[in-house]
């Protein structure tokens, strides 16, 4: 059987379903006295490219002037976290912020944001540095 035949046998719904994963924010779990799990989902290519485009400052000559890493991590979290709903008005009001991006910055520490960013990247099909090192060894 050739590759095309094997691909035709796959369930299209399962192939196109975005992978998800729950990630515990231990600091918040300790504060709440129970597990606080953020549910993350893979990003599609257009969303991922849009986030990168907004986070990279390119000169008129096409040179990269600045990479706003934290901005990229924030926007990846805003787009990739599906639970809690970061756009929920009650949540935004409770934390006194106008936008989901501000909510992420207020609710989470920079390392927690980076961890969630990494989870979403992995779900989206990107390898982490740790995985690359394992492959090399």
N, C-alpha and C. Protein backbone atom coordinates (compact mmCIF):
# COMPACT_ATOMS: atom_id res chain seq x y z
N UNK A 1 0.85 -1.18 0.00
CA UNK A 1 0.00 0.00 0.00
C UNK A 1 0.90 1.25 0.00
N UNK A 2 0.56 2.19 -0.87
CA UNK A 2 1.38 3.41 -0.93
C UNK A 2 0.88 4.44 0.09
N UNK A 3 1.64 5.51 0.22
CA UNK A 3 1.35 6.54 1.21
C UNK A 3 -0.02 7.18 0.99
N UNK A 4 -0.37 7.44 -0.26
CA UNK A 4 -1.67 8.05 -0.55
C UNK A 4 -2.80 7.17 -0.05
N UNK A 5 -2.70 5.87 -0.29
CA UNK A 5 -3.73 4.94 0.18
C UNK A 5 -3.84 4.94 1.70
N UNK A 6 -2.69 4.98 2.37
CA UNK A 6 -2.70 5.01 3.84
C UNK A 6 -3.34 6.28 4.36
N UNK A 7 -3.02 7.43 3.72
CA UNK A 7 -3.61 8.70 4.13
C UNK A 7 -5.12 8.73 3.89
N UNK A 8 -5.56 8.09 2.83
CA UNK A 8 -6.99 8.02 2.54
C UNK A 8 -7.75 7.19 3.58
N UNK A 9 -7.06 6.30 4.27
CA UNK A 9 -7.69 5.47 5.29
C UNK A 9 -7.86 6.20 6.62
N UNK A 10 -7.17 7.31 6.81
CA UNK A 10 -7.24 8.04 8.07
C UNK A 10 -8.57 8.79 8.20
N UNK A 11 -9.05 8.89 9.43
CA UNK A 11 -10.25 9.65 9.73
C UNK A 11 -9.92 11.14 9.63
N UNK A 12 -10.53 11.84 8.68
CA UNK A 12 -10.25 13.25 8.43
C UNK A 12 -10.50 14.09 9.69
N UNK A 13 -11.55 13.79 10.43
CA UNK A 13 -11.85 14.56 11.64
C UNK A 13 -10.74 14.43 12.67
N UNK A 14 -10.18 13.24 12.80
CA UNK A 14 -9.09 13.04 13.76
C UNK A 14 -7.81 13.72 13.29
N UNK A 15 -7.56 13.69 12.01
CA UNK A 15 -6.35 14.31 11.46
C UNK A 15 -6.39 15.82 11.63
N UNK A 16 -7.56 16.43 11.43
CA UNK A 16 -7.67 17.89 11.48
C UNK A 16 -7.99 18.43 12.87
N UNK A 17 -8.23 17.56 13.83
CA UNK A 17 -8.51 17.99 15.20
C UNK A 17 -7.24 18.56 15.82
N UNK A 18 -7.36 19.73 16.43
CA UNK A 18 -6.20 20.35 17.06
C UNK A 18 -5.90 19.64 18.38
N UNK A 19 -4.64 19.24 18.58
CA UNK A 19 -4.28 18.60 19.85
C UNK A 19 -4.41 19.57 21.01
N UNK A 20 -4.76 19.03 22.18
CA UNK A 20 -4.86 19.83 23.39
C UNK A 20 -4.09 19.16 24.52
N UNK A 21 -3.77 19.94 25.53
CA UNK A 21 -3.08 19.41 26.71
C UNK A 21 -3.37 20.33 27.88
N UNK A 22 -3.52 19.73 29.05
CA UNK A 22 -3.69 20.52 30.26
C UNK A 22 -2.34 20.71 30.93
N UNK A 23 -2.12 21.92 31.46
CA UNK A 23 -0.86 22.24 32.10
C UNK A 23 -1.16 22.88 33.44
N UNK A 24 -0.57 22.32 34.50
CA UNK A 24 -0.82 22.84 35.84
C UNK A 24 0.06 24.05 36.14
N UNK A 25 -0.57 25.08 36.66
CA UNK A 25 0.17 26.24 37.17
C UNK A 25 0.29 26.01 38.67
N UNK A 26 1.42 25.47 39.09
CA UNK A 26 1.60 25.02 40.47
C UNK A 26 1.40 26.13 41.49
N UNK A 27 1.86 27.32 41.20
CA UNK A 27 1.72 28.44 42.14
C UNK A 27 0.24 28.73 42.39
N UNK A 28 -0.55 28.74 41.32
CA UNK A 28 -1.98 29.00 41.47
C UNK A 28 -2.68 27.82 42.15
N UNK A 29 -2.21 26.62 41.89
CA UNK A 29 -2.78 25.44 42.55
C UNK A 29 -2.57 25.52 44.05
N UNK A 30 -1.38 25.94 44.46
CA UNK A 30 -1.09 26.08 45.89
C UNK A 30 -1.98 27.15 46.51
N UNK A 31 -2.19 28.26 45.81
CA UNK A 31 -3.05 29.33 46.32
C UNK A 31 -4.51 28.89 46.42
N UNK A 32 -4.96 28.10 45.46
CA UNK A 32 -6.36 27.67 45.41
C UNK A 32 -6.63 26.46 46.29
N UNK A 33 -5.58 25.71 46.65
CA UNK A 33 -5.78 24.50 47.42
C UNK A 33 -6.28 23.34 46.58
N UNK A 34 -6.22 23.49 45.28
CA UNK A 34 -6.60 22.43 44.34
C UNK A 34 -5.89 22.70 43.02
N UNK A 35 -5.84 21.68 42.16
CA UNK A 35 -5.12 21.84 40.89
C UNK A 35 -5.78 22.89 40.02
N UNK A 36 -4.96 23.79 39.52
CA UNK A 36 -5.38 24.78 38.53
C UNK A 36 -4.73 24.37 37.22
N UNK A 37 -5.55 23.89 36.30
CA UNK A 37 -5.06 23.40 35.02
C UNK A 37 -5.51 24.33 33.90
N UNK A 38 -4.57 24.77 33.11
CA UNK A 38 -4.87 25.57 31.93
C UNK A 38 -4.90 24.61 30.74
N UNK A 39 -5.97 24.64 29.97
CA UNK A 39 -6.07 23.79 28.80
C UNK A 39 -5.55 24.56 27.59
N UNK A 40 -4.56 23.99 26.94
CA UNK A 40 -3.92 24.61 25.79
C UNK A 40 -4.25 23.84 24.53
N UNK A 41 -4.22 24.55 23.41
CA UNK A 41 -4.54 23.96 22.12
C UNK A 41 -3.52 24.41 21.08
N UNK A 42 -3.26 23.54 20.11
CA UNK A 42 -2.37 23.89 19.01
C UNK A 42 -2.91 25.09 18.24
N UNK A 43 -2.00 25.88 17.69
CA UNK A 43 -2.38 27.01 16.85
C UNK A 43 -2.33 26.60 15.39
N UNK A 44 -3.16 27.24 14.56
CA UNK A 44 -3.05 26.97 13.12
C UNK A 44 -1.92 27.84 12.56
N UNK A 45 -1.52 27.56 11.36
CA UNK A 45 -0.38 28.24 10.75
C UNK A 45 -0.57 29.74 10.60
N UNK A 46 -1.78 30.16 10.23
CA UNK A 46 -2.04 31.59 10.03
C UNK A 46 -1.91 32.35 11.35
N UNK A 47 -2.48 31.80 12.41
CA UNK A 47 -2.41 32.47 13.71
C UNK A 47 -0.97 32.55 14.18
N UNK A 48 -0.24 31.45 14.04
CA UNK A 48 1.15 31.41 14.46
C UNK A 48 1.98 32.45 13.70
N UNK A 49 1.77 32.52 12.38
CA UNK A 49 2.51 33.49 11.55
C UNK A 49 2.14 34.92 11.93
N UNK A 50 0.87 35.18 12.22
CA UNK A 50 0.43 36.51 12.60
C UNK A 50 1.09 36.95 13.91
N UNK A 51 1.18 36.03 14.87
CA UNK A 51 1.84 36.33 16.15
C UNK A 51 3.30 36.68 15.90
N UNK A 52 3.98 35.89 15.09
CA UNK A 52 5.39 36.16 14.80
C UNK A 52 5.56 37.50 14.09
N UNK A 53 4.69 37.79 13.15
CA UNK A 53 4.78 39.04 12.38
C UNK A 53 4.65 40.25 13.32
N UNK A 54 3.76 40.16 14.30
CA UNK A 54 3.56 41.27 15.24
C UNK A 54 4.70 41.40 16.24
N UNK A 55 5.43 40.32 16.47
CA UNK A 55 6.48 40.33 17.48
C UNK A 55 7.87 40.61 16.92
N UNK A 56 7.99 40.68 15.61
CA UNK A 56 9.29 40.90 14.99
C UNK A 56 9.26 42.23 14.26
N UNK A 57 10.20 43.09 14.60
CA UNK A 57 10.32 44.40 13.96
C UNK A 57 11.36 44.30 12.85
N UNK A 58 10.90 44.48 11.62
CA UNK A 58 11.78 44.34 10.46
C UNK A 58 11.99 45.71 9.82
N UNK A 59 13.24 46.02 9.49
CA UNK A 59 13.56 47.29 8.85
C UNK A 59 13.08 47.28 7.39
N UNK A 60 13.13 48.44 6.76
CA UNK A 60 12.72 48.56 5.36
C UNK A 60 13.61 47.71 4.44
N UNK A 61 14.83 47.45 4.89
CA UNK A 61 15.75 46.63 4.11
C UNK A 61 15.56 45.14 4.36
N UNK A 62 14.65 44.79 5.26
CA UNK A 62 14.37 43.39 5.53
C UNK A 62 15.18 42.78 6.65
N UNK A 63 15.92 43.62 7.38
CA UNK A 63 16.71 43.13 8.51
C UNK A 63 15.87 43.12 9.78
N UNK A 64 16.10 42.15 10.62
CA UNK A 64 15.40 42.09 11.90
C UNK A 64 16.03 43.11 12.84
N UNK A 65 15.22 44.08 13.30
CA UNK A 65 15.70 45.08 14.24
C UNK A 65 15.46 44.65 15.68
N UNK A 66 14.34 43.98 15.90
CA UNK A 66 14.00 43.61 17.27
C UNK A 66 13.05 42.42 17.25
N UNK A 67 13.27 41.50 18.18
CA UNK A 67 12.35 40.39 18.39
C UNK A 67 11.77 40.54 19.78
N UNK A 68 10.48 40.75 19.84
CA UNK A 68 9.80 40.94 21.11
C UNK A 68 9.36 39.56 21.61
N UNK A 69 10.28 38.85 22.25
CA UNK A 69 10.04 37.48 22.69
C UNK A 69 8.87 37.40 23.66
N UNK A 70 8.85 38.29 24.66
CA UNK A 70 7.78 38.25 25.64
C UNK A 70 6.42 38.51 24.99
N UNK A 71 6.39 39.43 24.03
CA UNK A 71 5.16 39.71 23.29
C UNK A 71 4.69 38.47 22.53
N UNK A 72 5.63 37.77 21.92
CA UNK A 72 5.29 36.54 21.20
C UNK A 72 4.76 35.49 22.16
N UNK A 73 5.38 35.35 23.32
CA UNK A 73 4.91 34.38 24.31
C UNK A 73 3.51 34.75 24.80
N UNK A 74 3.29 36.03 25.08
CA UNK A 74 1.97 36.49 25.55
C UNK A 74 0.88 36.18 24.53
N UNK A 75 1.11 36.55 23.28
CA UNK A 75 0.09 36.36 22.26
C UNK A 75 -0.14 34.87 21.96
N UNK A 76 0.91 34.07 22.08
CA UNK A 76 0.75 32.63 21.91
C UNK A 76 -0.16 32.10 23.01
N UNK A 77 0.01 32.57 24.23
CA UNK A 77 -0.85 32.15 25.34
C UNK A 77 -2.29 32.61 25.12
N UNK A 78 -2.46 33.86 24.71
CA UNK A 78 -3.81 34.38 24.49
C UNK A 78 -4.54 33.54 23.43
N UNK A 79 -3.85 33.18 22.38
CA UNK A 79 -4.48 32.41 21.30
C UNK A 79 -4.56 30.92 21.59
N UNK A 80 -3.64 30.40 22.38
CA UNK A 80 -3.56 28.95 22.58
C UNK A 80 -4.21 28.42 23.85
N UNK A 81 -4.52 29.29 24.81
CA UNK A 81 -5.19 28.84 26.03
C UNK A 81 -6.69 28.87 25.78
N UNK A 82 -7.33 27.71 25.92
CA UNK A 82 -8.77 27.67 25.68
C UNK A 82 -9.57 27.52 26.97
N UNK A 83 -8.91 27.18 28.05
CA UNK A 83 -9.56 27.11 29.36
C UNK A 83 -8.54 27.50 30.40
N UNK A 84 -8.71 28.56 31.15
CA UNK A 84 -9.90 29.39 31.24
C UNK A 84 -10.06 30.25 29.98
N UNK A 85 -11.29 30.71 29.77
CA UNK A 85 -11.57 31.62 28.67
C UNK A 85 -11.01 32.98 29.04
N UNK A 86 -9.91 33.36 28.43
CA UNK A 86 -9.23 34.60 28.77
C UNK A 86 -10.00 35.84 28.32
N UNK A 87 -11.06 35.64 27.54
CA UNK A 87 -11.89 36.75 27.08
C UNK A 87 -13.14 36.91 27.94
N UNK A 88 -13.27 36.08 28.96
CA UNK A 88 -14.45 36.13 29.83
C UNK A 88 -14.50 37.48 30.56
N UNK A 89 -15.60 38.18 30.42
CA UNK A 89 -15.72 39.52 31.00
C UNK A 89 -15.59 39.49 32.52
N UNK A 90 -16.14 38.47 33.17
CA UNK A 90 -16.04 38.38 34.63
C UNK A 90 -14.59 38.24 35.07
N UNK A 91 -13.84 37.43 34.36
CA UNK A 91 -12.43 37.23 34.69
C UNK A 91 -11.63 38.52 34.47
N UNK A 92 -11.89 39.19 33.36
CA UNK A 92 -11.21 40.46 33.08
C UNK A 92 -11.54 41.51 34.15
N UNK A 93 -12.81 41.59 34.51
CA UNK A 93 -13.22 42.54 35.54
C UNK A 93 -12.62 42.20 36.90
N UNK A 94 -12.62 40.92 37.25
CA UNK A 94 -12.07 40.49 38.54
C UNK A 94 -10.61 40.91 38.70
N UNK A 95 -9.85 40.78 37.61
CA UNK A 95 -8.44 41.13 37.65
C UNK A 95 -8.18 42.58 37.27
N UNK A 96 -9.24 43.32 36.94
CA UNK A 96 -9.11 44.74 36.65
C UNK A 96 -8.30 45.06 35.42
N UNK A 97 -8.48 44.26 34.38
CA UNK A 97 -7.73 44.46 33.14
C UNK A 97 -8.68 44.55 31.94
N UNK A 98 -8.28 45.28 30.90
CA UNK A 98 -9.17 45.45 29.75
C UNK A 98 -9.07 44.37 28.67
N UNK A 99 -7.94 43.65 28.62
CA UNK A 99 -7.72 42.71 27.52
C UNK A 99 -7.19 41.36 28.02
N UNK A 100 -7.38 40.32 27.22
CA UNK A 100 -6.81 39.02 27.58
C UNK A 100 -5.29 39.06 27.75
N UNK A 101 -4.62 39.85 26.94
CA UNK A 101 -3.16 39.97 27.04
C UNK A 101 -2.76 40.54 28.40
N UNK A 102 -3.46 41.56 28.83
CA UNK A 102 -3.19 42.15 30.15
C UNK A 102 -3.53 41.16 31.26
N UNK A 103 -4.55 40.35 31.06
CA UNK A 103 -4.93 39.34 32.05
C UNK A 103 -3.81 38.32 32.23
N UNK A 104 -3.25 37.85 31.13
CA UNK A 104 -2.15 36.89 31.20
C UNK A 104 -0.97 37.49 31.95
N UNK A 105 -0.64 38.75 31.64
CA UNK A 105 0.49 39.42 32.31
C UNK A 105 0.24 39.59 33.80
N UNK A 106 -1.00 39.85 34.19
CA UNK A 106 -1.30 40.09 35.60
C UNK A 106 -1.42 38.78 36.38
N UNK A 107 -1.99 37.76 35.77
CA UNK A 107 -2.29 36.52 36.46
C UNK A 107 -1.08 35.59 36.56
N UNK A 108 -0.19 35.64 35.58
CA UNK A 108 0.90 34.66 35.49
C UNK A 108 2.26 35.33 35.59
N UNK A 109 3.21 34.58 36.13
CA UNK A 109 4.60 35.01 36.19
C UNK A 109 5.27 34.78 34.83
N UNK A 110 6.35 35.50 34.52
CA UNK A 110 7.01 35.33 33.23
C UNK A 110 7.41 33.87 32.92
N UNK A 111 7.89 33.15 33.92
CA UNK A 111 8.26 31.74 33.69
C UNK A 111 7.06 30.87 33.39
N UNK A 112 5.92 31.17 34.01
CA UNK A 112 4.69 30.42 33.74
C UNK A 112 4.21 30.70 32.32
N UNK A 113 4.34 31.94 31.89
CA UNK A 113 3.97 32.31 30.52
C UNK A 113 4.87 31.58 29.53
N UNK A 114 6.15 31.52 29.82
CA UNK A 114 7.10 30.82 28.94
C UNK A 114 6.78 29.32 28.88
N UNK A 115 6.43 28.74 30.04
CA UNK A 115 6.07 27.31 30.07
C UNK A 115 4.84 27.03 29.21
N UNK A 116 3.80 27.87 29.35
CA UNK A 116 2.58 27.69 28.55
C UNK A 116 2.87 27.90 27.06
N UNK A 117 3.70 28.88 26.75
CA UNK A 117 4.13 29.13 25.37
C UNK A 117 4.78 27.87 24.79
N UNK A 118 5.66 27.24 25.57
CA UNK A 118 6.33 26.02 25.11
C UNK A 118 5.35 24.88 24.89
N UNK A 119 4.37 24.73 25.78
CA UNK A 119 3.35 23.68 25.63
C UNK A 119 2.58 23.90 24.32
N UNK A 120 2.17 25.13 24.08
CA UNK A 120 1.39 25.45 22.87
C UNK A 120 2.24 25.23 21.61
N UNK A 121 3.51 25.60 21.67
CA UNK A 121 4.41 25.36 20.54
C UNK A 121 4.54 23.87 20.25
N UNK A 122 4.71 23.06 21.29
CA UNK A 122 4.82 21.61 21.10
C UNK A 122 3.54 21.04 20.50
N UNK A 123 2.39 21.49 21.01
CA UNK A 123 1.12 21.04 20.46
C UNK A 123 0.98 21.42 18.99
N UNK A 124 1.58 22.55 18.62
CA UNK A 124 1.52 23.06 17.25
C UNK A 124 2.53 22.39 16.33
N UNK A 125 3.30 21.46 16.86
CA UNK A 125 4.23 20.69 16.04
C UNK A 125 5.67 21.14 16.07
N UNK A 126 5.99 22.09 16.93
CA UNK A 126 7.37 22.56 17.04
C UNK A 126 8.08 21.84 18.16
N UNK A 127 9.33 21.48 17.91
CA UNK A 127 10.13 20.80 18.93
C UNK A 127 10.70 21.81 19.90
N UNK A 128 10.94 21.34 21.13
CA UNK A 128 11.63 22.19 22.11
C UNK A 128 13.13 21.93 21.99
N UNK A 129 13.92 22.79 22.59
CA UNK A 129 15.38 22.61 22.58
C UNK A 129 15.77 21.29 23.24
N UNK A 130 15.04 20.89 24.30
CA UNK A 130 15.33 19.63 25.00
C UNK A 130 15.17 18.45 24.05
N UNK A 131 14.11 18.44 23.24
CA UNK A 131 13.87 17.35 22.31
C UNK A 131 14.96 17.31 21.26
N UNK A 132 15.41 18.47 20.78
CA UNK A 132 16.47 18.51 19.78
C UNK A 132 17.76 17.95 20.35
N UNK A 133 18.07 18.26 21.62
CA UNK A 133 19.27 17.73 22.25
C UNK A 133 19.19 16.22 22.42
N UNK A 134 18.00 15.71 22.76
CA UNK A 134 17.82 14.27 22.91
C UNK A 134 18.08 13.56 21.58
N UNK A 135 17.62 14.16 20.49
CA UNK A 135 17.81 13.57 19.18
C UNK A 135 19.29 13.54 18.82
N UNK A 136 20.02 14.61 19.14
CA UNK A 136 21.46 14.67 18.84
C UNK A 136 22.24 13.63 19.62
N UNK A 137 21.82 13.36 20.85
CA UNK A 137 22.54 12.40 21.70
C UNK A 137 22.10 11.04 21.35
